[in-house]
Amino acid sequence: MRWLIRTFFRGVRLVLGPFMLLWEVVSRPEPIQRPPEVQAEIDRACGDLALYQFPTCPFCIKVRKEMHRLALPIELRDARNDPDHRATLEREGGRVKVPCLRVPGNDGSIHWLYESDAVIGYLNERFAA
């Protein structure tokens, strides 16, 4: 019975996935316009951040749209199709759950921020104008 449920949801994801990705592109908000020197500083601050995500996950799409709105060049790491990223997320983050933002601390520690609303809250708190 379990395999039947998994197969059903894989089929749904296979059919709806392209439409979800298209909707993400079509419904993106306009990015914030900043002075070039401010944007360059934000680009440097985003250099250490990484978002572990699945391409068609609705919560990941929500986070990516907010990243686009805030004009944040955060590295996207596909934890579904890249076994190295998936293993890193499980080994260092503790579980394979997306979206997950990898945030390095000033002391060299790494903080793993799960949940789309928590990630969006962090991004807005740190980078919103």
Protein backbone atom coordinates (compact mmCIF):
# COMPACT_ATOMS: atom_id res chain seq x y z
CA MET A 1 0.00 0.00 0.00
CA ARG A 2 2.85 2.37 0.85
CA TRP A 3 4.45 1.93 -2.58
CA LEU A 4 1.10 2.73 -4.22
CA ILE A 5 0.86 6.04 -2.34
CA ARG A 6 4.46 6.92 -3.20
CA THR A 7 3.90 6.07 -6.85
CA PHE A 8 0.74 8.17 -6.94
CA PHE A 9 2.45 11.25 -5.49
CA ARG A 10 5.49 10.81 -7.73
CA GLY A 11 3.14 10.79 -10.71
CA VAL A 12 1.34 13.90 -9.47
CA ARG A 13 4.69 15.66 -8.96
CA LEU A 14 5.85 14.57 -12.42
CA VAL A 15 2.72 16.02 -14.05
CA LEU A 16 2.40 19.20 -11.95
CA GLY A 17 6.12 20.00 -11.59
CA PRO A 18 6.58 21.83 -14.90
CA PHE A 19 3.46 23.92 -14.25
CA MET A 20 4.69 24.83 -10.76
CA LEU A 21 8.05 25.96 -12.15
CA LEU A 22 6.33 27.99 -14.87
CA TRP A 23 4.04 29.61 -12.30
CA GLU A 24 7.09 30.51 -10.18
CA VAL A 25 8.61 32.43 -13.11
CA VAL A 26 5.36 34.10 -14.17
CA SER A 27 4.32 35.18 -10.66
CA ARG A 28 7.69 36.47 -9.41
CA PRO A 29 7.53 39.88 -7.76
CA GLU A 30 9.69 42.71 -9.03
CA PRO A 31 13.10 42.75 -7.31
CA ILE A 32 14.07 45.57 -4.99
CA GLN A 33 16.23 48.21 -6.69
CA ARG A 34 19.20 49.27 -4.58
CA PRO A 35 22.15 51.56 -5.22
CA PRO A 36 25.01 49.55 -6.79
CA GLU A 37 27.31 49.83 -3.75
CA VAL A 38 24.55 48.59 -1.41
CA GLN A 39 23.73 45.70 -3.76
CA ALA A 40 27.42 44.79 -3.96
CA GLU A 41 27.59 44.60 -0.15
CA ILE A 42 24.48 42.39 -0.06
CA ASP A 43 25.98 40.18 -2.79
CA ARG A 44 29.08 39.69 -0.62
CA ALA A 45 26.95 38.92 2.44
CA CYS A 46 25.01 36.30 0.46
CA GLY A 47 28.20 34.60 -0.73
CA ASP A 48 28.31 32.33 2.32
CA LEU A 49 24.60 31.41 2.32
CA ALA A 50 23.19 28.34 0.62
CA LEU A 51 19.58 27.20 0.22
CA TYR A 52 19.05 23.45 0.12
CA GLN A 53 15.86 22.88 -1.84
CA PHE A 54 13.83 20.70 -4.17
CA PRO A 55 12.94 22.38 -7.48
CA THR A 56 9.19 21.69 -7.34
CA CYS A 57 8.61 21.93 -3.58
CA PRO A 58 5.93 24.62 -3.02
CA PHE A 59 7.65 25.87 0.14
CA CYS A 60 10.97 26.12 -1.72
CA ILE A 61 9.25 28.04 -4.50
CA LYS A 62 7.90 30.44 -1.87
CA VAL A 63 11.43 31.05 -0.53
CA ARG A 64 12.94 31.43 -4.01
CA LYS A 65 10.29 34.03 -4.92
CA GLU A 66 11.18 36.01 -1.79
CA MET A 67 14.87 35.74 -2.64
CA HIS A 68 14.07 37.15 -6.08
CA ARG A 69 12.03 39.99 -4.54
CA LEU A 70 14.91 40.88 -2.24
CA ALA A 71 17.46 40.51 -5.10
CA LEU A 72 19.55 38.00 -3.16
CA PRO A 73 22.07 35.87 -5.09
CA ILE A 74 21.98 32.93 -2.67
CA GLU A 75 23.38 29.65 -3.98
CA LEU A 76 20.69 27.03 -4.62
CA ARG A 77 21.60 23.44 -3.82
CA ASP A 78 19.32 20.74 -5.19
CA ALA A 79 18.92 18.17 -2.41
CA ARG A 80 16.64 15.97 -4.53
CA ASN A 81 18.78 15.36 -7.61
CA ASP A 82 22.30 15.92 -6.25
CA PRO A 83 23.38 13.11 -3.90
CA ASP A 84 26.29 15.16 -2.53
CA HIS A 85 24.03 18.03 -1.46
CA ARG A 86 21.49 15.60 -0.03
CA ALA A 87 24.20 13.83 1.99
CA THR A 88 25.59 17.14 3.26
CA LEU A 89 22.13 18.27 4.35
CA GLU A 90 21.54 15.02 6.21
CA ARG A 91 25.03 14.80 7.73
CA GLU A 92 25.51 18.43 8.78
CA GLY A 93 21.91 19.66 9.06
CA GLY A 94 20.64 16.54 10.77
CA ARG A 95 17.75 15.73 8.44
CA VAL A 96 16.68 15.87 4.81
CA LYS A 97 14.01 18.54 5.00
CA VAL A 98 13.66 21.49 2.65
CA PRO A 99 13.81 24.40 2.36
CA CYS A 100 16.86 24.72 4.57
CA LEU A 101 19.13 27.75 4.67
CA ARG A 102 22.75 27.17 5.63
CA VAL A 103 23.89 30.22 7.61
CA PRO A 104 27.54 30.45 8.73
CA GLY A 105 28.10 32.27 12.00
CA ASN A 106 30.81 34.81 12.75
CA ASP A 107 32.55 32.29 14.99
CA GLY A 108 32.79 29.67 12.24
CA SER A 109 29.75 27.68 13.36
CA ILE A 110 27.00 26.71 10.91
CA HIS A 111 23.33 27.26 11.68
CA TRP A 112 20.74 25.28 9.68
CA LEU A 113 17.48 27.18 9.34
CA TYR A 114 14.50 25.00 8.40
CA GLU A 115 10.90 26.02 7.56
CA SER A 116 10.02 28.43 4.76
CA ASP A 117 8.54 31.09 7.05
CA ALA A 118 11.64 31.06 9.27
CA VAL A 119 13.93 31.38 6.24
CA ILE A 120 11.85 34.22 4.78
CA GLY A 121 11.78 35.95 8.17
CA TYR A 122 15.56 35.71 8.45
CA LEU A 123 16.09 37.04 4.92
CA ASN A 124 13.73 39.95 5.48
CA GLU A 125 15.26 40.79 8.84
CA ARG A 126 18.79 40.74 7.47
CA PHE A 127 18.38 42.10 3.92
CA ALA A 128 15.12 44.05 3.58
CA ALA A 129 15.54 47.77 2.92
